[in-house]
Amino acid sequence: MDISYYDREFTDEQKDRLAKALSDVVVEHFSTYDGAVSVSLHPVDREDWQDRVFEPRITGLPDRLIKAPDYRSA
């Protein structure tokens, strides 16, 4: 599982908790085991989001997208 996100700092503890939570969900829904799951984080600068994430992975792969983003004005 590859997670792209706006660049920010995570502590090792936060990374471990995130990996465990995501792995638990994948194990449950795919009827697999924890060792079959990998999680990687890909920080992306906000100014690069459109080109590196939104166009290629969201609008570019609509048949694979199972939840579309709902970006809100901040």
C-alpha atoms as a PDB file:
ATOM      1  CA  MET A   1       0.000   0.000   0.000  1.00  0.00           C
ATOM      2  CA  ASP A   2       1.428   3.354  -1.033  1.00  0.00           C
ATOM      3  CA  ILE A   3       0.241   6.460   0.790  1.00  0.00           C
ATOM      4  CA  SER A   4       0.894   9.903  -0.700  1.00  0.00           C
ATOM      5  CA  TYR A   5       0.398  12.846   1.625  1.00  0.00           C
ATOM      6  CA  TYR A   6       1.294  16.488   2.044  1.00  0.00           C
ATOM      7  CA  ASP A   7       4.817  16.556   3.382  1.00  0.00           C
ATOM      8  CA  ARG A   8       4.947  16.563   7.191  1.00  0.00           C
ATOM      9  CA  GLU A   9       6.967  14.949   9.936  1.00  0.00           C
ATOM     10  CA  PHE A  10       5.954  11.666  11.562  1.00  0.00           C
ATOM     11  CA  THR A  11       7.582  10.199  14.640  1.00  0.00           C
ATOM     12  CA  ASP A  12       8.583   6.554  14.526  1.00  0.00           C
ATOM     13  CA  GLU A  13       5.739   5.805  16.947  1.00  0.00           C
ATOM     14  CA  GLN A  14       3.201   7.529  14.675  1.00  0.00           C
ATOM     15  CA  LYS A  15       4.494   5.559  11.676  1.00  0.00           C
ATOM     16  CA  ASP A  16       4.237   2.303  13.627  1.00  0.00           C
ATOM     17  CA  ARG A  17       0.659   3.048  14.746  1.00  0.00           C
ATOM     18  CA  LEU A  18      -0.376   4.040  11.220  1.00  0.00           C
ATOM     19  CA  ALA A  19       1.186   0.917   9.700  1.00  0.00           C
ATOM     20  CA  LYS A  20      -0.541  -1.304  12.276  1.00  0.00           C
ATOM     21  CA  ALA A  21      -3.955   0.317  11.757  1.00  0.00           C
ATOM     22  CA  LEU A  22      -3.724   0.100   7.958  1.00  0.00           C
ATOM     23  CA  SER A  23      -2.394  -3.462   8.066  1.00  0.00           C
ATOM     24  CA  ASP A  24      -5.216  -4.566  10.361  1.00  0.00           C
ATOM     25  CA  VAL A  25      -7.819  -3.246   7.914  1.00  0.00           C
ATOM     26  CA  VAL A  26      -6.144  -4.878   4.898  1.00  0.00           C
ATOM     27  CA  VAL A  27      -5.777  -8.207   6.719  1.00  0.00           C
ATOM     28  CA  GLU A  28      -9.478  -8.156   7.621  1.00  0.00           C
ATOM     29  CA  HIS A  29     -10.875  -7.115   4.252  1.00  0.00           C
ATOM     30  CA  PHE A  30      -8.552  -9.185   2.057  1.00  0.00           C
ATOM     31  CA  SER A  31      -8.601 -12.260   4.305  1.00  0.00           C
ATOM     32  CA  THR A  32      -4.821 -12.380   4.416  1.00  0.00           C
ATOM     33  CA  TYR A  33      -2.110 -12.226   7.077  1.00  0.00           C
ATOM     34  CA  ASP A  34      -0.036  -9.348   8.420  1.00  0.00           C
ATOM     35  CA  GLY A  35       3.185 -10.493   6.747  1.00  0.00           C
ATOM     36  CA  ALA A  36       1.582 -10.078   3.319  1.00  0.00           C
ATOM     37  CA  VAL A  37       1.002  -6.341   3.849  1.00  0.00           C
ATOM     38  CA  SER A  38       3.497  -3.551   3.183  1.00  0.00           C
ATOM     39  CA  VAL A  39       2.983   0.162   3.754  1.00  0.00           C
ATOM     40  CA  SER A  40       5.117   2.945   2.296  1.00  0.00           C
ATOM     41  CA  LEU A  41       4.796   6.684   2.731  1.00  0.00           C
ATOM     42  CA  HIS A  42       5.433   9.166  -0.067  1.00  0.00           C
ATOM     43  CA  PRO A  43       5.619  12.796   1.048  1.00  0.00           C
ATOM     44  CA  VAL A  44       4.612  15.264  -1.658  1.00  0.00           C
ATOM     45  CA  ASP A  45       4.983  19.045  -1.542  1.00  0.00           C
ATOM     46  CA  ARG A  46       1.653  20.853  -1.921  1.00  0.00           C
ATOM     47  CA  GLU A  47       2.799  22.606  -5.089  1.00  0.00           C
ATOM     48  CA  ASP A  48       3.589  19.218  -6.677  1.00  0.00           C
ATOM     49  CA  TRP A  49       0.338  17.459  -5.656  1.00  0.00           C
ATOM     50  CA  GLN A  50      -1.542  18.156  -8.890  1.00  0.00           C
ATOM     51  CA  ASP A  51       1.196  16.768 -11.148  1.00  0.00           C
ATOM     52  CA  ARG A  52       2.514  13.937  -8.955  1.00  0.00           C
ATOM     53  CA  VAL A  53      -0.693  12.636  -7.359  1.00  0.00           C
ATOM     54  CA  PHE A  54      -3.997  14.107  -8.524  1.00  0.00           C
ATOM     55  CA  GLU A  55      -3.606  13.777 -12.281  1.00  0.00           C
ATOM     56  CA  PRO A  56      -1.785  10.443 -12.540  1.00  0.00           C
ATOM     57  CA  ARG A  57      -3.378   8.564  -9.617  1.00  0.00           C
ATOM     58  CA  ILE A  58      -6.829  10.091  -9.172  1.00  0.00           C
ATOM     59  CA  THR A  59      -8.165  11.483 -12.435  1.00  0.00           C
ATOM     60  CA  GLY A  60      -5.797   9.285 -14.442  1.00  0.00           C
ATOM     61  CA  LEU A  61      -7.033   5.981 -12.966  1.00  0.00           C
ATOM     62  CA  PRO A  62     -10.776   6.393 -12.381  1.00  0.00           C
ATOM     63  CA  ASP A  63     -11.484   2.657 -12.732  1.00  0.00           C
ATOM     64  CA  ARG A  64      -9.173   1.889  -9.768  1.00  0.00           C
ATOM     65  CA  LEU A  65     -10.352   4.671  -7.480  1.00  0.00           C
ATOM     66  CA  ILE A  66     -12.694   3.306  -4.798  1.00  0.00           C
ATOM     67  CA  LYS A  67     -12.963   6.573  -2.852  1.00  0.00           C
ATOM     68  CA  ALA A  68     -12.607   9.938  -4.512  1.00  0.00           C
ATOM     69  CA  PRO A  69     -11.170  12.866  -2.571  1.00  0.00           C
ATOM     70  CA  ASP A  70     -13.424  15.702  -1.471  1.00  0.00           C
ATOM     71  CA  TYR A  71     -10.981  18.602  -1.248  1.00  0.00           C
ATOM     72  CA  ARG A  72     -12.308  21.517   0.740  1.00  0.00           C
ATOM     73  CA  SER A  73     -11.144  25.107   0.776  1.00  0.00           C
ATOM     74  CA  ALA A  74      -9.053  25.733   3.859  1.00  0.00           C
END
